[in-house]
């Protein structure tokens, strides 16, 4: 994974950990609180946001009790993310790397390696948080709802694979 994709993946994980809302999970019924960061929440338009993260709740018929529990889980995650300020930290590290790469003279590869390790640590922390939130939401869902989520994820995966095949077809076999 190259640096740019790694940074985008980290941003997506951080954004997705707080982006899902019961209003998305139960369109038209309202309730819940406004998405953090505005409509769609942070990370809503991030690459890979479809089918992953909390968008798994879209289309599920959640009960009021389930929506309330999920609201609580997401509020806690949102509050924790803002308390820790990991986005700012990651942004500062990214800027430091950019500064090193755009400064005349030899590139301090050791410093870049140290900064990359710091980014990797932040990504791992964000992923751990995301998985904790997903695990807690999993425990709120019924077996039928989880089966619906699995079927939707499988369908999205298959469609994405078809898209990749269309975008990047295998080269034709050459006759020799």
C-alpha atoms as a PDB file:
ATOM      1  CA  UNK A   1       0.000   0.000   0.000  1.00  0.00           C
ATOM      2  CA  UNK A   2       1.512   3.298  -0.985  1.00  0.00           C
ATOM      3  CA  UNK A   3       1.643   6.272   1.343  1.00  0.00           C
ATOM      4  CA  UNK A   4      -1.308   8.167  -0.178  1.00  0.00           C
ATOM      5  CA  UNK A   5      -3.594   5.124  -0.090  1.00  0.00           C
ATOM      6  CA  UNK A   6      -2.506   4.381   3.477  1.00  0.00           C
ATOM      7  CA  UNK A   7      -3.346   7.905   4.564  1.00  0.00           C
ATOM      8  CA  UNK A   8      -6.732   7.780   2.834  1.00  0.00           C
ATOM      9  CA  UNK A   9      -7.443   4.403   4.410  1.00  0.00           C
ATOM     10  CA  UNK A  10      -6.635   5.809   7.851  1.00  0.00           C
ATOM     11  CA  UNK A  11      -8.891   8.789   7.256  1.00  0.00           C
ATOM     12  CA  UNK A  12     -11.667   6.506   6.053  1.00  0.00           C
ATOM     13  CA  UNK A  13     -11.412   4.258   9.098  1.00  0.00           C
ATOM     14  CA  UNK A  14     -11.511   7.217  11.437  1.00  0.00           C
ATOM     15  CA  UNK A  15     -14.440   8.750   9.585  1.00  0.00           C
ATOM     16  CA  UNK A  16     -16.367   5.508   9.275  1.00  0.00           C
ATOM     17  CA  UNK A  17     -16.081   4.782  12.965  1.00  0.00           C
ATOM     18  CA  UNK A  18     -18.467   7.651  13.664  1.00  0.00           C
ATOM     19  CA  UNK A  19     -20.291   8.108  10.363  1.00  0.00           C
ATOM     20  CA  UNK A  20     -23.194   5.695  10.729  1.00  0.00           C
ATOM     21  CA  UNK A  21     -26.419   6.951  12.187  1.00  0.00           C
ATOM     22  CA  UNK A  22     -29.761   5.366  12.888  1.00  0.00           C
ATOM     23  CA  UNK A  23     -31.369   7.707  10.366  1.00  0.00           C
ATOM     24  CA  UNK A  24     -29.226   5.999   7.740  1.00  0.00           C
ATOM     25  CA  UNK A  25     -30.109   2.612   9.160  1.00  0.00           C
ATOM     26  CA  UNK A  26     -33.816   3.362   9.087  1.00  0.00           C
ATOM     27  CA  UNK A  27     -34.471   5.872   6.311  1.00  0.00           C
ATOM     28  CA  UNK A  28     -37.568   8.001   6.613  1.00  0.00           C
ATOM     29  CA  UNK A  29     -38.175   7.372  10.308  1.00  0.00           C
ATOM     30  CA  UNK A  30     -35.968  10.203  11.581  1.00  0.00           C
ATOM     31  CA  UNK A  31     -34.728  10.124  15.137  1.00  0.00           C
ATOM     32  CA  UNK A  32     -31.156  10.034  16.228  1.00  0.00           C
ATOM     33  CA  UNK A  33     -28.831  12.992  16.186  1.00  0.00           C
ATOM     34  CA  UNK A  34     -27.351  14.957  13.296  1.00  0.00           C
ATOM     35  CA  UNK A  35     -24.326  13.313  11.748  1.00  0.00           C
ATOM     36  CA  UNK A  36     -21.009  14.591  13.064  1.00  0.00           C
ATOM     37  CA  UNK A  37     -19.343  16.773  10.468  1.00  0.00           C
ATOM     38  CA  UNK A  38     -22.548  17.538   8.571  1.00  0.00           C
ATOM     39  CA  UNK A  39     -24.791  15.535   6.245  1.00  0.00           C
ATOM     40  CA  UNK A  40     -23.449  12.061   5.659  1.00  0.00           C
ATOM     41  CA  UNK A  41     -20.946  12.407   8.473  1.00  0.00           C
ATOM     42  CA  UNK A  42     -17.195  12.442   8.140  1.00  0.00           C
ATOM     43  CA  UNK A  43     -15.905   9.932   5.680  1.00  0.00           C
ATOM     44  CA  UNK A  44     -19.283   9.609   3.950  1.00  0.00           C
ATOM     45  CA  UNK A  45     -17.698  10.242   0.555  1.00  0.00           C
ATOM     46  CA  UNK A  46     -14.443   8.497   1.307  1.00  0.00           C
ATOM     47  CA  UNK A  47     -13.231   5.859  -1.132  1.00  0.00           C
ATOM     48  CA  UNK A  48     -14.315   2.423  -0.049  1.00  0.00           C
ATOM     49  CA  UNK A  49     -17.137   3.846   2.074  1.00  0.00           C
ATOM     50  CA  UNK A  50     -19.747   1.794   0.249  1.00  0.00           C
ATOM     51  CA  UNK A  51     -20.487  -1.534   1.881  1.00  0.00           C
ATOM     52  CA  UNK A  52     -17.906  -1.091   4.604  1.00  0.00           C
ATOM     53  CA  UNK A  53     -17.986   0.521   7.987  1.00  0.00           C
ATOM     54  CA  UNK A  54     -21.327   1.423   9.474  1.00  0.00           C
ATOM     55  CA  UNK A  55     -23.113   1.712   6.144  1.00  0.00           C
ATOM     56  CA  UNK A  56     -23.860  -1.939   6.855  1.00  0.00           C
ATOM     57  CA  UNK A  57     -26.890  -0.680   8.804  1.00  0.00           C
ATOM     58  CA  UNK A  58     -28.542   0.886   5.777  1.00  0.00           C
ATOM     59  CA  UNK A  59     -31.779  -0.832   4.845  1.00  0.00           C
ATOM     60  CA  UNK A  60     -32.172  -2.690   8.144  1.00  0.00           C
ATOM     61  CA  UNK A  61     -35.480  -2.417   9.977  1.00  0.00           C
ATOM     62  CA  UNK A  62     -34.160  -1.503  13.427  1.00  0.00           C
ATOM     63  CA  UNK A  63     -36.419  -1.293  16.451  1.00  0.00           C
ATOM     64  CA  UNK A  64     -36.547   1.889  18.519  1.00  0.00           C
ATOM     65  CA  UNK A  65     -34.555   0.106  21.231  1.00  0.00           C
ATOM     66  CA  UNK A  66     -31.876  -0.948  18.720  1.00  0.00           C
ATOM     67  CA  UNK A  67     -31.657   2.580  17.301  1.00  0.00           C
ATOM     68  CA  UNK A  68     -31.289   3.981  20.819  1.00  0.00           C
ATOM     69  CA  UNK A  69     -28.489   1.528  21.678  1.00  0.00           C
ATOM     70  CA  UNK A  70     -26.695   2.237  18.406  1.00  0.00           C
ATOM     71  CA  UNK A  71     -27.112   5.994  18.979  1.00  0.00           C
ATOM     72  CA  UNK A  72     -25.386   5.581  22.328  1.00  0.00           C
ATOM     73  CA  UNK A  73     -22.547   3.519  20.855  1.00  0.00           C
ATOM     74  CA  UNK A  74     -21.965   6.052  18.083  1.00  0.00           C
ATOM     75  CA  UNK A  75     -22.139   9.060  20.412  1.00  0.00           C
ATOM     76  CA  UNK A  76     -19.553   7.481  22.680  1.00  0.00           C
ATOM     77  CA  UNK A  77     -17.291   6.718  19.713  1.00  0.00           C
ATOM     78  CA  UNK A  78     -17.758  10.241  18.355  1.00  0.00           C
ATOM     79  CA  UNK A  79     -16.960  11.805  21.725  1.00  0.00           C
ATOM     80  CA  UNK A  80     -13.898   9.587  22.137  1.00  0.00           C
ATOM     81  CA  UNK A  81     -12.625  10.492  18.669  1.00  0.00           C
ATOM     82  CA  UNK A  82     -12.951  14.196  19.425  1.00  0.00           C
ATOM     83  CA  UNK A  83     -11.321  13.813  22.837  1.00  0.00           C
ATOM     84  CA  UNK A  84      -8.285  12.031  21.381  1.00  0.00           C
ATOM     85  CA  UNK A  85      -7.928  14.293  18.339  1.00  0.00           C
ATOM     86  CA  UNK A  86      -6.306  11.553  16.238  1.00  0.00           C
ATOM     87  CA  UNK A  87      -7.265  13.309  12.990  1.00  0.00           C
ATOM     88  CA  UNK A  88      -5.250  16.382  13.898  1.00  0.00           C
ATOM     89  CA  UNK A  89      -2.308  14.235  14.911  1.00  0.00           C
ATOM     90  CA  UNK A  90      -2.400  12.317  11.630  1.00  0.00           C
ATOM     91  CA  UNK A  91      -2.722  15.546   9.682  1.00  0.00           C
ATOM     92  CA  UNK A  92       0.303  17.031  11.480  1.00  0.00           C
ATOM     93  CA  UNK A  93       2.375  13.937  10.699  1.00  0.00           C
ATOM     94  CA  UNK A  94       1.301  14.090   7.056  1.00  0.00           C
ATOM     95  CA  UNK A  95       2.318  17.754   6.917  1.00  0.00           C
ATOM     96  CA  UNK A  96       5.710  16.974   8.474  1.00  0.00           C
ATOM     97  CA  UNK A  97       6.354  14.343   5.811  1.00  0.00           C
ATOM     98  CA  UNK A  98       5.300  16.773   3.082  1.00  0.00           C
ATOM     99  CA  UNK A  99       7.632  19.421   4.536  1.00  0.00           C
ATOM    100  CA  UNK A 100      10.567  16.993   4.477  1.00  0.00           C
ATOM    101  CA  UNK A 101       9.815  15.961   0.894  1.00  0.00           C
ATOM    102  CA  UNK A 102       9.523  19.535  -0.356  1.00  0.00           C
ATOM    103  CA  UNK A 103      12.575  20.975   1.394  1.00  0.00           C
ATOM    104  CA  UNK A 104      15.686  21.382  -0.792  1.00  0.00           C
ATOM    105  CA  UNK A 105      18.601  19.141   0.044  1.00  0.00           C
ATOM    106  CA  UNK A 106      18.863  15.489   1.011  1.00  0.00           C
ATOM    107  CA  UNK A 107      15.700  13.788   2.265  1.00  0.00           C
ATOM    108  CA  UNK A 108      15.889  12.667   5.896  1.00  0.00           C
ATOM    109  CA  UNK A 109      14.707   9.100   5.309  1.00  0.00           C
ATOM    110  CA  UNK A 110      15.135   8.165   8.962  1.00  0.00           C
ATOM    111  CA  UNK A 111      12.787  10.962  10.002  1.00  0.00           C
ATOM    112  CA  UNK A 112      10.256   9.900   7.362  1.00  0.00           C
ATOM    113  CA  UNK A 113      10.475   6.299   8.598  1.00  0.00           C
ATOM    114  CA  UNK A 114       9.811   7.476  12.159  1.00  0.00           C
ATOM    115  CA  UNK A 115       6.824   9.536  11.011  1.00  0.00           C
ATOM    116  CA  UNK A 116       5.480   6.600   8.992  1.00  0.00           C
ATOM    117  CA  UNK A 117       5.683   4.426  12.095  1.00  0.00           C
ATOM    118  CA  UNK A 118       3.718   7.042  14.020  1.00  0.00           C
ATOM    119  CA  UNK A 119       1.087   7.026  11.250  1.00  0.00           C
ATOM    120  CA  UNK A 120       0.936   3.234  11.342  1.00  0.00           C
ATOM    121  CA  UNK A 121       0.329   3.380  15.083  1.00  0.00           C
ATOM    122  CA  UNK A 122      -2.486   5.905  14.614  1.00  0.00           C
ATOM    123  CA  UNK A 123      -4.037   3.738  11.881  1.00  0.00           C
ATOM    124  CA  UNK A 124      -3.880   0.683  14.138  1.00  0.00           C
ATOM    125  CA  UNK A 125      -5.537   2.625  16.969  1.00  0.00           C
ATOM    126  CA  UNK A 126      -8.255   3.874  14.627  1.00  0.00           C
ATOM    127  CA  UNK A 127      -8.854   0.370  13.277  1.00  0.00           C
ATOM    128  CA  UNK A 128      -9.089  -1.023  16.808  1.00  0.00           C
ATOM    129  CA  UNK A 129     -11.683   1.620  17.673  1.00  0.00           C
ATOM    130  CA  UNK A 130     -13.614   0.931  14.493  1.00  0.00           C
ATOM    131  CA  UNK A 131     -13.680  -2.789  15.226  1.00  0.00           C
ATOM    132  CA  UNK A 132     -14.799  -2.144  18.802  1.00  0.00           C
ATOM    133  CA  UNK A 133     -17.703   0.012  17.576  1.00  0.00           C
ATOM    134  CA  UNK A 134     -18.625  -2.575  14.927  1.00  0.00           C
ATOM    135  CA  UNK A 135     -18.467  -5.342  17.536  1.00  0.00           C
ATOM    136  CA  UNK A 136     -20.745  -3.453  19.899  1.00  0.00           C
ATOM    137  CA  UNK A 137     -23.230  -2.780  17.079  1.00  0.00           C
ATOM    138  CA  UNK A 138     -23.034  -6.440  16.060  1.00  0.00           C
ATOM    139  CA  UNK A 139     -24.201  -7.389  19.542  1.00  0.00           C
ATOM    140  CA  UNK A 140     -27.300  -5.179  19.123  1.00  0.00           C
ATOM    141  CA  UNK A 141     -28.408  -6.818  15.859  1.00  0.00           C
ATOM    142  CA  UNK A 142     -30.475  -9.981  15.539  1.00  0.00           C
ATOM    143  CA  UNK A 143     -29.278 -13.071  13.675  1.00  0.00           C
ATOM    144  CA  UNK A 144     -31.640 -12.203  10.804  1.00  0.00           C
ATOM    145  CA  UNK A 145     -30.293  -8.642  10.607  1.00  0.00           C
ATOM    146  CA  UNK A 146     -26.727  -9.949  10.588  1.00  0.00           C
ATOM    147  CA  UNK A 147     -27.651 -12.320   7.746  1.00  0.00           C
ATOM    148  CA  UNK A 148     -29.088  -9.339   5.827  1.00  0.00           C
ATOM    149  CA  UNK A 149     -25.860  -7.407   6.413  1.00  0.00           C
ATOM    150  CA  UNK A 150     -23.784 -10.375   5.233  1.00  0.00           C
ATOM    151  CA  UNK A 151     -25.891 -10.804   2.082  1.00  0.00           C
ATOM    152  CA  UNK A 152     -25.590  -7.095   1.276  1.00  0.00           C
ATOM    153  CA  UNK A 153     -21.831  -7.096   1.840  1.00  0.00           C
ATOM    154  CA  UNK A 154     -21.448 -10.158  -0.400  1.00  0.00           C
ATOM    155  CA  UNK A 155     -23.490  -8.517  -3.143  1.00  0.00           C
ATOM    156  CA  UNK A 156     -21.441  -5.312  -2.916  1.00  0.00           C
ATOM    157  CA  UNK A 157     -18.190  -7.292  -2.983  1.00  0.00           C
ATOM    158  CA  UNK A 158     -19.318  -9.209  -6.072  1.00  0.00           C
ATOM    159  CA  UNK A 159     -20.360  -5.999  -7.834  1.00  0.00           C
ATOM    160  CA  UNK A 160     -17.038  -4.340  -7.007  1.00  0.00           C
ATOM    161  CA  UNK A 161     -15.200  -7.363  -8.398  1.00  0.00           C
ATOM    162  CA  UNK A 162     -17.227  -7.112 -11.614  1.00  0.00           C
ATOM    163  CA  UNK A 163     -16.391  -3.414 -11.831  1.00  0.00           C
ATOM    164  CA  UNK A 164     -12.659  -4.137 -11.383  1.00  0.00           C
ATOM    165  CA  UNK A 165     -12.856  -6.730 -14.171  1.00  0.00           C
ATOM    166  CA  UNK A 166     -14.484  -4.185 -16.495  1.00  0.00           C
ATOM    167  CA  UNK A 167     -12.050  -1.410 -15.581  1.00  0.00           C
ATOM    168  CA  UNK A 168      -8.959  -3.638 -15.747  1.00  0.00           C
ATOM    169  CA  UNK A 169      -9.616  -6.486 -18.182  1.00  0.00           C
ATOM    170  CA  UNK A 170      -7.121  -9.290 -18.479  1.00  0.00           C
ATOM    171  CA  UNK A 171      -4.836  -8.855 -21.483  1.00  0.00           C
ATOM    172  CA  UNK A 172      -5.822 -11.027 -24.434  1.00  0.00           C
ATOM    173  CA  UNK A 173      -3.851 -14.218 -24.820  1.00  0.00           C
ATOM    174  CA  UNK A 174      -1.406 -13.804 -27.663  1.00  0.00           C
ATOM    175  CA  UNK A 175      -1.117 -16.547 -30.278  1.00  0.00           C
ATOM    176  CA  UNK A 176       2.454 -17.509 -30.972  1.00  0.00           C
END
